């Protein structure tokens, strides 16, 4: 096996691993979305629920940074399909940010009197 083909094989293997990690990020976002779906609009949360939601939101904020780093690597390795990768970035970032906004909205609604 030549050095070039070895590097290509390694790059393909790395790209597959990065895509698997990206799929994991998407799964975690879906899990968070489903968690948020469990809250009724305007319902009062317990102190435990508020604390739990804040912790989960912090985890999702960290996930956004992790995703950004992961996607950067994918875009470098898969530069031939950069338009597809940029669209994927946009879609996933939108999902993460939308759920973060929804969680913040739920938390902000807790301070309002009913």
PDB file of N, CA and C in Angstrom:
ATOM      1  N   UNK A   1       0.855  -1.182   0.000  1.00  0.00           N
ATOM      2  CA  UNK A   1       0.000   0.000   0.000  1.00  0.00           C
ATOM      3  C   UNK A   1       0.894   1.235   0.000  1.00  0.00           C
ATOM      4  N   UNK A   2       0.623   2.143  -0.883  1.00  0.00           N
ATOM      5  CA  UNK A   2       1.445   3.347  -0.974  1.00  0.00           C
ATOM      6  C   UNK A   2       1.065   4.335   0.121  1.00  0.00           C
ATOM      7  N   UNK A   3       1.918   5.297   0.299  1.00  0.00           N
ATOM      8  CA  UNK A   3       1.691   6.330   1.306  1.00  0.00           C
ATOM      9  C   UNK A   3       0.414   7.119   1.012  1.00  0.00           C
ATOM     10  N   UNK A   4       0.173   7.431  -0.250  1.00  0.00           N
ATOM     11  CA  UNK A   4      -1.014   8.195  -0.642  1.00  0.00           C
ATOM     12  C   UNK A   4      -2.283   7.399  -0.367  1.00  0.00           C
ATOM     13  N   UNK A   5      -2.307   6.132  -0.764  1.00  0.00           N
ATOM     14  CA  UNK A   5      -3.511   5.328  -0.532  1.00  0.00           C
ATOM     15  C   UNK A   5      -3.709   5.084   0.959  1.00  0.00           C
ATOM     16  N   UNK A   6      -2.642   4.988   1.703  1.00  0.00           N
ATOM     17  CA  UNK A   6      -2.743   4.836   3.152  1.00  0.00           C
ATOM     18  C   UNK A   6      -3.358   6.087   3.778  1.00  0.00           C
ATOM     19  N   UNK A   7      -2.932   7.251   3.302  1.00  0.00           N
ATOM     20  CA  UNK A   7      -3.495   8.506   3.797  1.00  0.00           C
ATOM     21  C   UNK A   7      -4.971   8.632   3.426  1.00  0.00           C
ATOM     22  N   UNK A   8      -5.331   8.215   2.219  1.00  0.00           N
ATOM     23  CA  UNK A   8      -6.734   8.263   1.794  1.00  0.00           C
ATOM     24  C   UNK A   8      -7.592   7.346   2.646  1.00  0.00           C
ATOM     25  N   UNK A   9      -7.103   6.141   2.889  1.00  0.00           N
ATOM     26  CA  UNK A   9      -7.835   5.189   3.727  1.00  0.00           C
ATOM     27  C   UNK A   9      -8.014   5.758   5.128  1.00  0.00           C
ATOM     28  N   UNK A  10      -6.957   6.345   5.648  1.00  0.00           N
ATOM     29  CA  UNK A  10      -7.016   6.958   6.969  1.00  0.00           C
ATOM     30  C   UNK A  10      -8.009   8.118   6.989  1.00  0.00           C
ATOM     31  N   UNK A  11      -8.006   8.935   5.930  1.00  0.00           N
ATOM     32  CA  UNK A  11      -8.931  10.058   5.832  1.00  0.00           C
ATOM     33  C   UNK A  11     -10.373   9.616   5.755  1.00  0.00           C
ATOM     34  N   UNK A  12     -10.637   8.553   5.005  1.00  0.00           N
ATOM     35  CA  UNK A  12     -11.997   8.009   4.892  1.00  0.00           C
ATOM     36  C   UNK A  12     -12.456   7.474   6.241  1.00  0.00           C
ATOM     37  N   UNK A  13     -11.559   6.767   6.917  1.00  0.00           N
ATOM     38  CA  UNK A  13     -11.882   6.210   8.231  1.00  0.00           C
ATOM     39  C   UNK A  13     -12.177   7.348   9.216  1.00  0.00           C
ATOM     40  N   UNK A  14     -11.347   8.396   9.176  1.00  0.00           N
ATOM     41  CA  UNK A  14     -11.552   9.549  10.048  1.00  0.00           C
ATOM     42  C   UNK A  14     -12.873  10.245   9.726  1.00  0.00           C
ATOM     43  N   UNK A  15     -13.178  10.414   8.459  1.00  0.00           N
ATOM     44  CA  UNK A  15     -14.424  11.058   8.053  1.00  0.00           C
ATOM     45  C   UNK A  15     -15.629  10.251   8.530  1.00  0.00           C
ATOM     46  N   UNK A  16     -15.551   8.934   8.419  1.00  0.00           N
ATOM     47  CA  UNK A  16     -16.652   8.084   8.900  1.00  0.00           C
ATOM     48  C   UNK A  16     -16.838   8.252  10.405  1.00  0.00           C
ATOM     49  N   UNK A  17     -15.732   8.305  11.129  1.00  0.00           N
ATOM     50  CA  UNK A  17     -15.802   8.484  12.582  1.00  0.00           C
ATOM     51  C   UNK A  17     -16.406   9.846  12.930  1.00  0.00           C
ATOM     52  N   UNK A  18     -15.982  10.875  12.232  1.00  0.00           N
ATOM     53  CA  UNK A  18     -16.520  12.216  12.478  1.00  0.00           C
ATOM     54  C   UNK A  18     -18.008  12.287  12.141  1.00  0.00           C
ATOM     55  N   UNK A  19     -18.413  11.637  11.062  1.00  0.00           N
ATOM     56  CA  UNK A  19     -19.836  11.597  10.710  1.00  0.00           C
ATOM     57  C   UNK A  19     -20.640  10.856  11.771  1.00  0.00           C
ATOM     58  N   UNK A  20     -20.064   9.803  12.343  1.00  0.00           N
ATOM     59  CA  UNK A  20     -20.735   9.070  13.419  1.00  0.00           C
ATOM     60  C   UNK A  20     -20.877   9.962  14.653  1.00  0.00           C
ATOM     61  N   UNK A  21     -19.851  10.729  14.942  1.00  0.00           N
ATOM     62  CA  UNK A  21     -19.919  11.656  16.080  1.00  0.00           C
ATOM     63  C   UNK A  21     -20.959  12.744  15.833  1.00  0.00           C
ATOM     64  N   UNK A  22     -21.039  13.212  14.588  1.00  0.00           N
ATOM     65  CA  UNK A  22     -22.040  14.223  14.245  1.00  0.00           C
ATOM     66  C   UNK A  22     -23.444  13.640  14.411  1.00  0.00           C
ATOM     67  N   UNK A  23     -23.620  12.394  14.023  1.00  0.00           N
ATOM     68  CA  UNK A  23     -24.919  11.735  14.202  1.00  0.00           C
ATOM     69  C   UNK A  23     -25.270  11.648  15.686  1.00  0.00           C
ATOM     70  N   UNK A  24     -24.268  11.425  16.513  1.00  0.00           N
ATOM     71  CA  UNK A  24     -24.482  11.386  17.958  1.00  0.00           C
ATOM     72  C   UNK A  24     -24.948  12.750  18.471  1.00  0.00           C
ATOM     73  N   UNK A  25     -24.353  13.807  17.963  1.00  0.00           N
ATOM     74  CA  UNK A  25     -24.763  15.164  18.341  1.00  0.00           C
ATOM     75  C   UNK A  25     -26.228  15.382  17.953  1.00  0.00           C
ATOM     76  N   UNK A  26     -26.587  14.990  16.742  1.00  0.00           N
ATOM     77  CA  UNK A  26     -27.968  15.141  16.282  1.00  0.00           C
ATOM     78  C   UNK A  26     -28.928  14.363  17.186  1.00  0.00           C
ATOM     79  N   UNK A  27     -28.506  13.174  17.599  1.00  0.00           N
ATOM     80  CA  UNK A  27     -29.325  12.370  18.501  1.00  0.00           C
ATOM     81  C   UNK A  27     -29.520  13.045  19.849  1.00  0.00           C
ATOM     82  N   UNK A  28     -28.468  13.668  20.354  1.00  0.00           N
ATOM     83  CA  UNK A  28     -28.565  14.370  21.632  1.00  0.00           C
ATOM     84  C   UNK A  28     -29.486  15.584  21.531  1.00  0.00           C
ATOM     85  N   UNK A  29     -29.462  16.255  20.397  1.00  0.00           N
ATOM     86  CA  UNK A  29     -30.363  17.396  20.185  1.00  0.00           C
ATOM     87  C   UNK A  29     -31.812  16.910  20.151  1.00  0.00           C
ATOM     88  N   UNK A  30     -32.049  15.807  19.466  1.00  0.00           N
ATOM     89  CA  UNK A  30     -33.400  15.230  19.410  1.00  0.00           C
ATOM     90  C   UNK A  30     -33.871  14.830  20.806  1.00  0.00           C
ATOM     91  N   UNK A  31     -32.984  14.240  21.574  1.00  0.00           N
ATOM     92  CA  UNK A  31     -33.312  13.842  22.949  1.00  0.00           C
ATOM     93  C   UNK A  31     -33.688  15.078  23.783  1.00  0.00           C
ATOM     94  N   UNK A  32     -32.947  16.167  23.634  1.00  0.00           N
ATOM     95  CA  UNK A  32     -33.239  17.404  24.358  1.00  0.00           C
ATOM     96  C   UNK A  32     -34.575  17.985  23.895  1.00  0.00           C
ATOM     97  N   UNK A  33     -34.818  17.952  22.595  1.00  0.00           N
ATOM     98  CA  UNK A  33     -36.088  18.445  22.044  1.00  0.00           C
ATOM     99  C   UNK A  33     -37.257  17.662  22.637  1.00  0.00           C
ATOM    100  N   UNK A  34     -37.125  16.345  22.689  1.00  0.00           N
ATOM    101  CA  UNK A  34     -38.178  15.509  23.263  1.00  0.00           C
ATOM    102  C   UNK A  34     -38.379  15.811  24.746  1.00  0.00           C
ATOM    103  N   UNK A  35     -37.288  16.081  25.446  1.00  0.00           N
ATOM    104  CA  UNK A  35     -37.364  16.458  26.859  1.00  0.00           C
ATOM    105  C   UNK A  35     -38.174  17.750  26.999  1.00  0.00           C
ATOM    106  N   UNK A  36     -37.876  18.738  26.161  1.00  0.00           N
ATOM    107  CA  UNK A  36     -38.598  20.010  26.218  1.00  0.00           C
ATOM    108  C   UNK A  36     -40.069  19.843  25.852  1.00  0.00           C
ATOM    109  N   UNK A  37     -40.361  18.905  24.964  1.00  0.00           N
ATOM    110  CA  UNK A  37     -41.754  18.656  24.571  1.00  0.00           C
ATOM    111  C   UNK A  37     -42.600  18.182  25.747  1.00  0.00           C
ATOM    112  N   UNK A  38     -41.947  17.704  26.796  1.00  0.00           N
ATOM    113  CA  UNK A  38     -42.667  17.233  27.982  1.00  0.00           C
ATOM    114  C   UNK A  38     -43.216  18.355  28.845  1.00  0.00           C
ATOM    115  N   UNK A  39     -42.831  19.578  28.572  1.00  0.00           N
ATOM    116  CA  UNK A  39     -43.318  20.708  29.363  1.00  0.00           C
ATOM    117  C   UNK A  39     -44.544  21.313  28.705  1.00  0.00           C
ATOM    118  N   UNK A  40     -45.551  21.587  29.515  1.00  0.00           N
ATOM    119  CA  UNK A  40     -46.756  22.251  29.020  1.00  0.00           C
ATOM    120  C   UNK A  40     -46.493  23.748  28.946  1.00  0.00           C
ATOM    121  N   UNK A  41     -46.988  24.388  27.919  1.00  0.00           N
ATOM    122  CA  UNK A  41     -46.820  25.833  27.771  1.00  0.00           C
ATOM    123  C   UNK A  41     -47.480  26.530  28.956  1.00  0.00           C
ATOM    124  N   UNK A  42     -46.719  27.396  29.607  1.00  0.00           N
ATOM    125  CA  UNK A  42     -47.263  28.170  30.723  1.00  0.00           C
ATOM    126  C   UNK A  42     -47.316  27.435  32.046  1.00  0.00           C
ATOM    127  N   UNK A  43     -46.908  26.165  32.076  1.00  0.00           N
ATOM    128  CA  UNK A  43     -46.971  25.434  33.340  1.00  0.00           C
ATOM    129  C   UNK A  43     -45.832  25.864  34.258  1.00  0.00           C
ATOM    130  N   UNK A  44     -46.076  25.789  35.539  1.00  0.00           N
ATOM    131  CA  UNK A  44     -45.084  26.152  36.545  1.00  0.00           C
ATOM    132  C   UNK A  44     -44.215  24.937  36.815  1.00  0.00           C
ATOM    133  N   UNK A  45     -42.900  25.134  36.752  1.00  0.00           N
ATOM    134  CA  UNK A  45     -41.960  24.048  37.011  1.00  0.00           C
ATOM    135  C   UNK A  45     -41.576  24.033  38.479  1.00  0.00           C
ATOM    136  N   UNK A  46     -41.272  22.853  38.971  1.00  0.00           N
ATOM    137  CA  UNK A  46     -40.752  22.745  40.333  1.00  0.00           C
ATOM    138  C   UNK A  46     -39.310  23.241  40.339  1.00  0.00           C
ATOM    139  N   UNK A  47     -38.786  23.488  41.522  1.00  0.00           N
ATOM    140  CA  UNK A  47     -37.390  23.920  41.636  1.00  0.00           C
ATOM    141  C   UNK A  47     -36.449  22.872  41.050  1.00  0.00           C
ATOM    142  N   UNK A  48     -36.780  21.616  41.247  1.00  0.00           N
ATOM    143  CA  UNK A  48     -35.962  20.516  40.710  1.00  0.00           C
ATOM    144  C   UNK A  48     -35.989  20.554  39.182  1.00  0.00           C
ATOM    145  N   UNK A  49     -37.161  20.741  38.609  1.00  0.00           N
ATOM    146  CA  UNK A  49     -37.283  20.801  37.149  1.00  0.00           C
ATOM    147  C   UNK A  49     -36.503  21.984  36.576  1.00  0.00           C
ATOM    148  N   UNK A  50     -36.555  23.114  37.251  1.00  0.00           N
ATOM    149  CA  UNK A  50     -35.810  24.295  36.792  1.00  0.00           C
ATOM    150  C   UNK A  50     -34.317  24.004  36.829  1.00  0.00           C
ATOM    151  N   UNK A  51     -33.847  23.431  37.940  1.00  0.00           N
ATOM    152  CA  UNK A  51     -32.423  23.110  38.070  1.00  0.00           C
ATOM    153  C   UNK A  51     -31.995  22.105  37.003  1.00  0.00           C
ATOM    154  N   UNK A  52     -32.832  21.089  36.792  1.00  0.00           N
ATOM    155  CA  UNK A  52     -32.520  20.068  35.787  1.00  0.00           C
ATOM    156  C   UNK A  52     -32.460  20.681  34.388  1.00  0.00           C
ATOM    157  N   UNK A  53     -33.419  21.534  34.080  1.00  0.00           N
ATOM    158  CA  UNK A  53     -33.454  22.177  32.764  1.00  0.00           C
ATOM    159  C   UNK A  53     -32.223  23.065  32.556  1.00  0.00           C
ATOM    160  N   UNK A  54     -31.819  23.781  33.591  1.00  0.00           N
ATOM    161  CA  UNK A  54     -30.622  24.626  33.484  1.00  0.00           C
ATOM    162  C   UNK A  54     -29.381  23.782  33.218  1.00  0.00           C
ATOM    163  N   UNK A  55     -29.272  22.638  33.892  1.00  0.00           N
ATOM    164  CA  UNK A  55     -28.128  21.747  33.680  1.00  0.00           C
ATOM    165  C   UNK A  55     -28.129  21.182  32.262  1.00  0.00           C
ATOM    166  N   UNK A  56     -29.304  20.754  31.811  1.00  0.00           N
ATOM    167  CA  UNK A  56     -29.402  20.205  30.456  1.00  0.00           C
ATOM    168  C   UNK A  56     -29.114  21.282  29.407  1.00  0.00           C
ATOM    169  N   UNK A  57     -29.557  22.490  29.660  1.00  0.00           N
ATOM    170  CA  UNK A  57     -29.288  23.596  28.741  1.00  0.00           C
ATOM    171  C   UNK A  57     -27.781  23.864  28.661  1.00  0.00           C
ATOM    172  N   UNK A  58     -27.114  23.823  29.799  1.00  0.00           N
ATOM    173  CA  UNK A  58     -25.661  24.000  29.810  1.00  0.00           C
ATOM    174  C   UNK A  58     -24.961  22.935  28.990  1.00  0.00           C
ATOM    175  N   UNK A  59     -25.467  21.718  29.086  1.00  0.00           N
ATOM    176  CA  UNK A  59     -24.890  20.617  28.310  1.00  0.00           C
ATOM    177  C   UNK A  59     -25.087  20.857  26.807  1.00  0.00           C
ATOM    178  N   UNK A  60     -26.249  21.354  26.433  1.00  0.00           N
ATOM    179  CA  UNK A  60     -26.529  21.628  25.022  1.00  0.00           C
ATOM    180  C   UNK A  60     -25.665  22.784  24.519  1.00  0.00           C
ATOM    181  N   UNK A  61     -25.431  23.777  25.364  1.00  0.00           N
ATOM    182  CA  UNK A  61     -24.552  24.885  24.970  1.00  0.00           C
ATOM    183  C   UNK A  61     -23.145  24.365  24.673  1.00  0.00           C
ATOM    184  N   UNK A  62     -22.665  23.446  25.508  1.00  0.00           N
ATOM    185  CA  UNK A  62     -21.361  22.817  25.292  1.00  0.00           C
ATOM    186  C   UNK A  62     -21.379  21.991  24.009  1.00  0.00           C
ATOM    187  N   UNK A  63     -22.503  21.343  23.760  1.00  0.00           N
ATOM    188  CA  UNK A  63     -22.655  20.521  22.564  1.00  0.00           C
ATOM    189  C   UNK A  63     -22.535  21.365  21.292  1.00  0.00           C
ATOM    190  N   UNK A  64     -23.016  22.594  21.328  1.00  0.00           N
ATOM    191  CA  UNK A  64     -22.915  23.480  20.166  1.00  0.00           C
ATOM    192  C   UNK A  64     -21.449  23.740  19.820  1.00  0.00           C
ATOM    193  N   UNK A  65     -20.633  23.966  20.834  1.00  0.00           N
ATOM    194  CA  UNK A  65     -19.199  24.178  20.611  1.00  0.00           C
ATOM    195  C   UNK A  65     -18.551  22.916  20.067  1.00  0.00           C
ATOM    196  N   UNK A  66     -18.911  21.779  20.655  1.00  0.00           N
ATOM    197  CA  UNK A  66     -18.368  20.491  20.207  1.00  0.00           C
ATOM    198  C   UNK A  66     -18.748  20.235  18.748  1.00  0.00           C
ATOM    199  N   UNK A  67     -20.008  20.508  18.418  1.00  0.00           N
ATOM    200  CA  UNK A  67     -20.468  20.315  17.048  1.00  0.00           C
ATOM    201  C   UNK A  67     -19.691  21.199  16.084  1.00  0.00           C
ATOM    202  N   UNK A  68     -19.473  22.448  16.462  1.00  0.00           N
ATOM    203  CA  UNK A  68     -18.759  23.381  15.592  1.00  0.00           C
ATOM    204  C   UNK A  68     -17.358  22.862  15.277  1.00  0.00           C
ATOM    205  N   UNK A  69     -16.664  22.350  16.284  1.00  0.00           N
ATOM    206  CA  UNK A  69     -15.319  21.801  16.079  1.00  0.00           C
ATOM    207  C   UNK A  69     -15.364  20.558  15.189  1.00  0.00           C
ATOM    208  N   UNK A  70     -16.342  19.704  15.442  1.00  0.00           N
ATOM    209  CA  UNK A  70     -16.519  18.476  14.666  1.00  0.00           C
ATOM    210  C   UNK A  70     -16.803  18.799  13.201  1.00  0.00           C
ATOM    211  N   UNK A  71     -17.706  19.734  12.988  1.00  0.00           N
ATOM    212  CA  UNK A  71     -18.104  20.100  11.633  1.00  0.00           C
ATOM    213  C   UNK A  71     -16.948  20.755  10.883  1.00  0.00           C
ATOM    214  N   UNK A  72     -16.135  21.538  11.593  1.00  0.00           N
ATOM    215  CA  UNK A  72     -14.942  22.118  10.959  1.00  0.00           C
ATOM    216  C   UNK A  72     -14.060  21.012  10.387  1.00  0.00           C
ATOM    217  N   UNK A  73     -13.836  19.971  11.170  1.00  0.00           N
ATOM    218  CA  UNK A  73     -12.990  18.853  10.727  1.00  0.00           C
ATOM    219  C   UNK A  73     -13.611  18.131   9.534  1.00  0.00           C
ATOM    220  N   UNK A  74     -14.920  17.921   9.594  1.00  0.00           N
ATOM    221  CA  UNK A  74     -15.617  17.244   8.496  1.00  0.00           C
ATOM    222  C   UNK A  74     -15.480  18.061   7.210  1.00  0.00           C
ATOM    223  N   UNK A  75     -15.657  19.360   7.314  1.00  0.00           N
ATOM    224  CA  UNK A  75     -15.580  20.222   6.130  1.00  0.00           C
ATOM    225  C   UNK A  75     -14.185  20.218   5.515  1.00  0.00           C
ATOM    226  N   UNK A  76     -13.155  20.123   6.340  1.00  0.00           N
ATOM    227  CA  UNK A  76     -11.783  20.052   5.816  1.00  0.00           C
ATOM    228  C   UNK A  76     -11.567  18.731   5.086  1.00  0.00           C
ATOM    229  N   UNK A  77     -12.006  17.633   5.704  1.00  0.00           N
ATOM    230  CA  UNK A  77     -11.796  16.309   5.105  1.00  0.00           C
ATOM    231  C   UNK A  77     -12.705  16.047   3.911  1.00  0.00           C
ATOM    232  N   UNK A  78     -13.859  16.702   3.889  1.00  0.00           N
ATOM    233  CA  UNK A  78     -14.832  16.459   2.825  1.00  0.00           C
ATOM    234  C   UNK A  78     -15.037  17.735   2.003  1.00  0.00           C
ATOM    235  N   UNK A  79     -13.943  18.387   1.674  1.00  0.00           N
ATOM    236  CA  UNK A  79     -14.022  19.675   0.968  1.00  0.00           C
ATOM    237  C   UNK A  79     -14.645  19.544  -0.424  1.00  0.00           C
ATOM    238  N   UNK A  80     -14.624  18.348  -0.994  1.00  0.00           N
ATOM    239  CA  UNK A  80     -15.252  18.137  -2.305  1.00  0.00           C
ATOM    240  C   UNK A  80     -16.768  18.325  -2.240  1.00  0.00           C
ATOM    241  N   UNK A  81     -17.339  18.103  -1.069  1.00  0.00           N
ATOM    242  CA  UNK A  81     -18.786  18.240  -0.893  1.00  0.00           C
ATOM    243  C   UNK A  81     -19.088  19.382   0.082  1.00  0.00           C
ATOM    244  N   UNK A  82     -18.345  20.464  -0.033  1.00  0.00           N
ATOM    245  CA  UNK A  82     -18.449  21.560   0.931  1.00  0.00           C
ATOM    246  C   UNK A  82     -19.847  22.174   0.992  1.00  0.00           C
ATOM    247  N   UNK A  83     -20.533  22.280  -0.142  1.00  0.00           N
ATOM    248  CA  UNK A  83     -21.877  22.870  -0.131  1.00  0.00           C
ATOM    249  C   UNK A  83     -22.841  22.028   0.689  1.00  0.00           C
ATOM    250  N   UNK A  84     -22.748  20.720   0.548  1.00  0.00           N
ATOM    251  CA  UNK A  84     -23.595  19.810   1.324  1.00  0.00           C
ATOM    252  C   UNK A  84     -23.249  19.920   2.805  1.00  0.00           C
ATOM    253  N   UNK A  85     -21.956  19.981   3.097  1.00  0.00           N
ATOM    254  CA  UNK A  85     -21.517  20.075   4.490  1.00  0.00           C
ATOM    255  C   UNK A  85     -21.949  21.392   5.125  1.00  0.00           C
ATOM    256  N   UNK A  86     -21.893  22.473   4.373  1.00  0.00           N
ATOM    257  CA  UNK A  86     -22.322  23.766   4.905  1.00  0.00           C
ATOM    258  C   UNK A  86     -23.824  23.781   5.173  1.00  0.00           C
ATOM    259  N   UNK A  87     -24.586  23.131   4.315  1.00  0.00           N
ATOM    260  CA  UNK A  87     -26.024  23.012   4.532  1.00  0.00           C
ATOM    261  C   UNK A  87     -26.306  22.179   5.782  1.00  0.00           C
ATOM    262  N   UNK A  88     -25.555  21.094   5.943  1.00  0.00           N
ATOM    263  CA  UNK A  88     -25.703  20.248   7.134  1.00  0.00           C
ATOM    264  C   UNK A  88     -25.379  21.056   8.391  1.00  0.00           C
ATOM    265  N   UNK A  89     -24.310  21.852   8.321  1.00  0.00           N
ATOM    266  CA  UNK A  89     -23.940  22.709   9.459  1.00  0.00           C
ATOM    267  C   UNK A  89     -25.100  23.648   9.807  1.00  0.00           C
ATOM    268  N   UNK A  90     -25.629  24.300   8.787  1.00  0.00           N
ATOM    269  CA  UNK A  90     -26.714  25.258   9.000  1.00  0.00           C
ATOM    270  C   UNK A  90     -27.930  24.588   9.645  1.00  0.00           C
ATOM    271  N   UNK A  91     -28.304  23.420   9.150  1.00  0.00           N
ATOM    272  CA  UNK A  91     -29.471  22.715   9.684  1.00  0.00           C
ATOM    273  C   UNK A  91     -29.278  22.304  11.137  1.00  0.00           C
ATOM    274  N   UNK A  92     -28.116  21.749  11.446  1.00  0.00           N
ATOM    275  CA  UNK A  92     -27.877  21.280  12.811  1.00  0.00           C
ATOM    276  C   UNK A  92     -27.743  22.463  13.768  1.00  0.00           C
ATOM    277  N   UNK A  93     -27.005  23.486  13.363  1.00  0.00           N
ATOM    278  CA  UNK A  93     -26.880  24.678  14.212  1.00  0.00           C
ATOM    279  C   UNK A  93     -28.251  25.282  14.483  1.00  0.00           C
ATOM    280  N   UNK A  94     -29.082  25.346  13.460  1.00  0.00           N
ATOM    281  CA  UNK A  94     -30.432  25.894  13.636  1.00  0.00           C
ATOM    282  C   UNK A  94     -31.210  25.079  14.663  1.00  0.00           C
ATOM    283  N   UNK A  95     -31.129  23.763  14.576  1.00  0.00           N
ATOM    284  CA  UNK A  95     -31.837  22.901  15.525  1.00  0.00           C
ATOM    285  C   UNK A  95     -31.358  23.129  16.949  1.00  0.00           C
ATOM    286  N   UNK A  96     -30.042  23.183  17.117  1.00  0.00           N
ATOM    287  CA  UNK A  96     -29.484  23.368  18.460  1.00  0.00           C
ATOM    288  C   UNK A  96     -29.912  24.725  19.024  1.00  0.00           C
ATOM    289  N   UNK A  97     -29.759  25.768  18.237  1.00  0.00           N
ATOM    290  CA  UNK A  97     -30.081  27.118  18.714  1.00  0.00           C
ATOM    291  C   UNK A  97     -31.576  27.269  18.978  1.00  0.00           C
ATOM    292  N   UNK A  98     -32.411  26.678  18.141  1.00  0.00           N
ATOM    293  CA  UNK A  98     -33.866  26.748  18.347  1.00  0.00           C
ATOM    294  C   UNK A  98     -34.259  26.091  19.665  1.00  0.00           C
ATOM    295  N   UNK A  99     -33.655  24.949  19.974  1.00  0.00           N
ATOM    296  CA  UNK A  99     -33.985  24.260  21.229  1.00  0.00           C
ATOM    297  C   UNK A  99     -33.421  25.005  22.433  1.00  0.00           C
ATOM    298  N   UNK A 100     -32.251  25.628  22.272  1.00  0.00           N
ATOM    299  CA  UNK A 100     -31.704  26.450  23.355  1.00  0.00           C
ATOM    300  C   UNK A 100     -32.631  27.636  23.632  1.00  0.00           C
ATOM    301  N   UNK A 101     -33.129  28.255  22.579  1.00  0.00           N
ATOM    302  CA  UNK A 101     -34.042  29.387  22.732  1.00  0.00           C
ATOM    303  C   UNK A 101     -35.338  28.947  23.407  1.00  0.00           C
ATOM    304  N   UNK A 102     -35.821  27.779  23.007  1.00  0.00           N
ATOM    305  CA  UNK A 102     -37.056  27.269  23.613  1.00  0.00           C
ATOM    306  C   UNK A 102     -36.858  26.994  25.098  1.00  0.00           C
ATOM    307  N   UNK A 103     -35.717  26.413  25.453  1.00  0.00           N
ATOM    308  CA  UNK A 103     -35.417  26.132  26.859  1.00  0.00           C
ATOM    309  C   UNK A 103     -35.317  27.438  27.647  1.00  0.00           C
ATOM    310  N   UNK A 104     -34.649  28.426  27.081  1.00  0.00           N
ATOM    311  CA  UNK A 104     -34.547  29.729  27.752  1.00  0.00           C
ATOM    312  C   UNK A 104     -35.913  30.374  27.917  1.00  0.00           C
ATOM    313  N   UNK A 105     -36.762  30.215  26.926  1.00  0.00           N
ATOM    314  CA  UNK A 105     -38.113  30.758  27.002  1.00  0.00           C
ATOM    315  C   UNK A 105     -38.900  30.097  28.135  1.00  0.00           C
ATOM    316  N   UNK A 106     -38.752  28.791  28.264  1.00  0.00           N
ATOM    317  CA  UNK A 106     -39.417  28.062  29.353  1.00  0.00           C
ATOM    318  C   UNK A 106     -38.902  28.567  30.696  1.00  0.00           C
ATOM    319  N   UNK A 107     -37.588  28.708  30.808  1.00  0.00           N
ATOM    320  CA  UNK A 107     -36.996  29.180  32.067  1.00  0.00           C
ATOM    321  C   UNK A 107     -37.408  30.618  32.373  1.00  0.00           C
ATOM    322  N   UNK A 108     -37.414  31.474  31.362  1.00  0.00           N
ATOM    323  CA  UNK A 108     -37.796  32.873  31.571  1.00  0.00           C
ATOM    324  C   UNK A 108     -39.257  33.001  31.976  1.00  0.00           C
ATOM    325  N   UNK A 109     -40.089  32.097  31.521  1.00  0.00           N
ATOM    326  CA  UNK A 109     -41.502  32.103  31.872  1.00  0.00           C
ATOM    327  C   UNK A 109     -41.759  31.743  33.321  1.00  0.00           C
ATOM    328  N   UNK A 110     -40.758  31.226  34.004  1.00  0.00           N
ATOM    329  CA  UNK A 110     -40.921  30.820  35.395  1.00  0.00           C
ATOM    330  C   UNK A 110     -40.950  32.016  36.343  1.00  0.00           C
ATOM    331  N   UNK A 111     -40.411  33.140  35.898  1.00  0.00           N
ATOM    332  CA  UNK A 111     -40.383  34.320  36.756  1.00  0.00           C
ATOM    333  C   UNK A 111     -41.658  35.140  36.678  1.00  0.00           C
ATOM    334  N   UNK A 112     -42.496  34.839  35.695  1.00  0.00           N
ATOM    335  CA  UNK A 112     -43.725  35.606  35.496  1.00  0.00           C
ATOM    336  C   UNK A 112     -44.806  35.119  36.445  1.00  0.00           C
ATOM    337  N   UNK A 113     -45.617  36.038  36.936  1.00  0.00           N
ATOM    338  CA  UNK A 113     -46.745  35.624  37.774  1.00  0.00           C
ATOM    339  C   UNK A 113     -47.910  35.264  36.875  1.00  0.00           C
ATOM    340  N   UNK A 114     -48.691  34.268  37.322  1.00  0.00           N
ATOM    341  CA  UNK A 114     -49.789  33.818  36.472  1.00  0.00           C
ATOM    342  C   UNK A 114     -51.075  34.491  36.809  1.00  0.00           C
TER     343      UNK A 114
END
